[in-house]
């Protein structure tokens, strides 16, 4: 795991946009990481906790690849 990328324990679910949001610290900058959640998922936070390591690995790879959206977010694939 890349030690210059630190993941914060700040997961929350944005119900209006149906997405999970957590942040990473990268060289002193806060980078939002987002996962769009399908309508069929009724417990998004529990889902995230069950797959947290996988989401963090996915986010780490996208950050290393500098794969940011136009708004500066890292958009992840729902697992």
C-alpha atoms as a PDB file:
ATOM      1  CA  UNK A   1       0.000   0.000   0.000  1.00  0.00           C
ATOM      2  CA  UNK A   2       1.250   3.453  -0.905  1.00  0.00           C
ATOM      3  CA  UNK A   3       2.106   5.252   2.334  1.00  0.00           C
ATOM      4  CA  UNK A   4       1.742   8.703   0.768  1.00  0.00           C
ATOM      5  CA  UNK A   5      -2.005   8.042   0.398  1.00  0.00           C
ATOM      6  CA  UNK A   6      -3.927   7.910   3.670  1.00  0.00           C
ATOM      7  CA  UNK A   7      -7.621   7.062   3.853  1.00  0.00           C
ATOM      8  CA  UNK A   8      -9.765   8.875   6.393  1.00  0.00           C
ATOM      9  CA  UNK A   9     -12.480   7.118   8.381  1.00  0.00           C
ATOM     10  CA  UNK A  10     -15.206   9.479   7.194  1.00  0.00           C
ATOM     11  CA  UNK A  11     -17.510   7.371   5.027  1.00  0.00           C
ATOM     12  CA  UNK A  12     -20.992   8.740   4.486  1.00  0.00           C
ATOM     13  CA  UNK A  13     -23.877   8.039   2.154  1.00  0.00           C
ATOM     14  CA  UNK A  14     -25.221  10.892   0.032  1.00  0.00           C
ATOM     15  CA  UNK A  15     -28.794   9.673  -0.402  1.00  0.00           C
ATOM     16  CA  UNK A  16     -29.847  12.411  -2.803  1.00  0.00           C
ATOM     17  CA  UNK A  17     -27.127  11.377  -5.270  1.00  0.00           C
ATOM     18  CA  UNK A  18     -27.076   7.672  -4.210  1.00  0.00           C
ATOM     19  CA  UNK A  19     -23.364   7.541  -3.629  1.00  0.00           C
ATOM     20  CA  UNK A  20     -20.878   6.643  -0.944  1.00  0.00           C
ATOM     21  CA  UNK A  21     -18.258   9.291  -0.230  1.00  0.00           C
ATOM     22  CA  UNK A  22     -14.992   8.935   1.660  1.00  0.00           C
ATOM     23  CA  UNK A  23     -11.766  10.908   1.486  1.00  0.00           C
ATOM     24  CA  UNK A  24      -8.073  10.280   1.029  1.00  0.00           C
ATOM     25  CA  UNK A  25      -5.158  12.501   1.992  1.00  0.00           C
ATOM     26  CA  UNK A  26      -2.668  12.799  -0.856  1.00  0.00           C
ATOM     27  CA  UNK A  27       0.362  15.020  -0.338  1.00  0.00           C
ATOM     28  CA  UNK A  28      -1.630  17.176   2.084  1.00  0.00           C
ATOM     29  CA  UNK A  29      -4.671  17.486  -0.188  1.00  0.00           C
ATOM     30  CA  UNK A  30      -8.073  15.960   0.553  1.00  0.00           C
ATOM     31  CA  UNK A  31      -9.359  13.907  -2.377  1.00  0.00           C
ATOM     32  CA  UNK A  32     -13.034  12.815  -2.367  1.00  0.00           C
ATOM     33  CA  UNK A  33     -13.581   9.201  -3.448  1.00  0.00           C
ATOM     34  CA  UNK A  34     -17.098   8.356  -4.609  1.00  0.00           C
ATOM     35  CA  UNK A  35     -18.997   5.164  -5.389  1.00  0.00           C
ATOM     36  CA  UNK A  36     -22.391   5.308  -7.082  1.00  0.00           C
ATOM     37  CA  UNK A  37     -24.688   2.839  -5.320  1.00  0.00           C
ATOM     38  CA  UNK A  38     -27.372   0.918  -7.241  1.00  0.00           C
ATOM     39  CA  UNK A  39     -31.001   1.129  -6.102  1.00  0.00           C
ATOM     40  CA  UNK A  40     -30.857  -2.545  -5.096  1.00  0.00           C
ATOM     41  CA  UNK A  41     -28.344  -1.867  -2.294  1.00  0.00           C
ATOM     42  CA  UNK A  42     -30.312  -1.084   0.861  1.00  0.00           C
ATOM     43  CA  UNK A  43     -27.419  -0.871   3.345  1.00  0.00           C
ATOM     44  CA  UNK A  44     -24.695   1.099   1.575  1.00  0.00           C
ATOM     45  CA  UNK A  45     -22.546   1.811   4.657  1.00  0.00           C
ATOM     46  CA  UNK A  46     -22.544  -1.872   5.651  1.00  0.00           C
ATOM     47  CA  UNK A  47     -21.655  -2.755   2.061  1.00  0.00           C
ATOM     48  CA  UNK A  48     -18.737  -0.315   2.167  1.00  0.00           C
ATOM     49  CA  UNK A  49     -17.471  -1.717   5.482  1.00  0.00           C
ATOM     50  CA  UNK A  50     -17.550  -5.230   4.005  1.00  0.00           C
ATOM     51  CA  UNK A  51     -15.516  -4.111   0.963  1.00  0.00           C
ATOM     52  CA  UNK A  52     -13.527  -1.220   2.436  1.00  0.00           C
ATOM     53  CA  UNK A  53     -10.091  -2.648   1.649  1.00  0.00           C
ATOM     54  CA  UNK A  54     -11.095  -3.311  -1.968  1.00  0.00           C
ATOM     55  CA  UNK A  55     -12.473   0.225  -2.392  1.00  0.00           C
ATOM     56  CA  UNK A  56      -9.324   1.713  -0.881  1.00  0.00           C
ATOM     57  CA  UNK A  57      -7.135  -0.352  -3.224  1.00  0.00           C
ATOM     58  CA  UNK A  58      -9.247   0.759  -6.208  1.00  0.00           C
ATOM     59  CA  UNK A  59      -8.990   4.403  -5.069  1.00  0.00           C
ATOM     60  CA  UNK A  60      -5.242   4.109  -4.528  1.00  0.00           C
ATOM     61  CA  UNK A  61      -4.741   2.858  -8.078  1.00  0.00           C
ATOM     62  CA  UNK A  62      -6.876   5.638  -9.559  1.00  0.00           C
ATOM     63  CA  UNK A  63      -5.048   8.268  -7.503  1.00  0.00           C
ATOM     64  CA  UNK A  64      -1.658   6.914  -8.578  1.00  0.00           C
ATOM     65  CA  UNK A  65      -2.881   7.000 -12.196  1.00  0.00           C
ATOM     66  CA  UNK A  66      -4.148  10.564 -11.612  1.00  0.00           C
ATOM     67  CA  UNK A  67      -7.572   9.423 -12.824  1.00  0.00           C
ATOM     68  CA  UNK A  68      -9.668  12.294 -11.429  1.00  0.00           C
ATOM     69  CA  UNK A  69     -13.046  13.527 -12.612  1.00  0.00           C
ATOM     70  CA  UNK A  70     -13.484  17.114 -13.802  1.00  0.00           C
ATOM     71  CA  UNK A  71     -14.604  18.020 -10.265  1.00  0.00           C
ATOM     72  CA  UNK A  72     -11.450  16.510  -8.712  1.00  0.00           C
ATOM     73  CA  UNK A  73     -13.082  13.363  -7.380  1.00  0.00           C
ATOM     74  CA  UNK A  74     -11.955   9.775  -7.780  1.00  0.00           C
ATOM     75  CA  UNK A  75     -14.912   7.812  -9.148  1.00  0.00           C
ATOM     76  CA  UNK A  76     -14.900   4.143  -8.153  1.00  0.00           C
ATOM     77  CA  UNK A  77     -16.742   1.123  -9.494  1.00  0.00           C
ATOM     78  CA  UNK A  78     -19.389  -0.444  -7.234  1.00  0.00           C
ATOM     79  CA  UNK A  79     -18.294  -3.918  -6.140  1.00  0.00           C
END
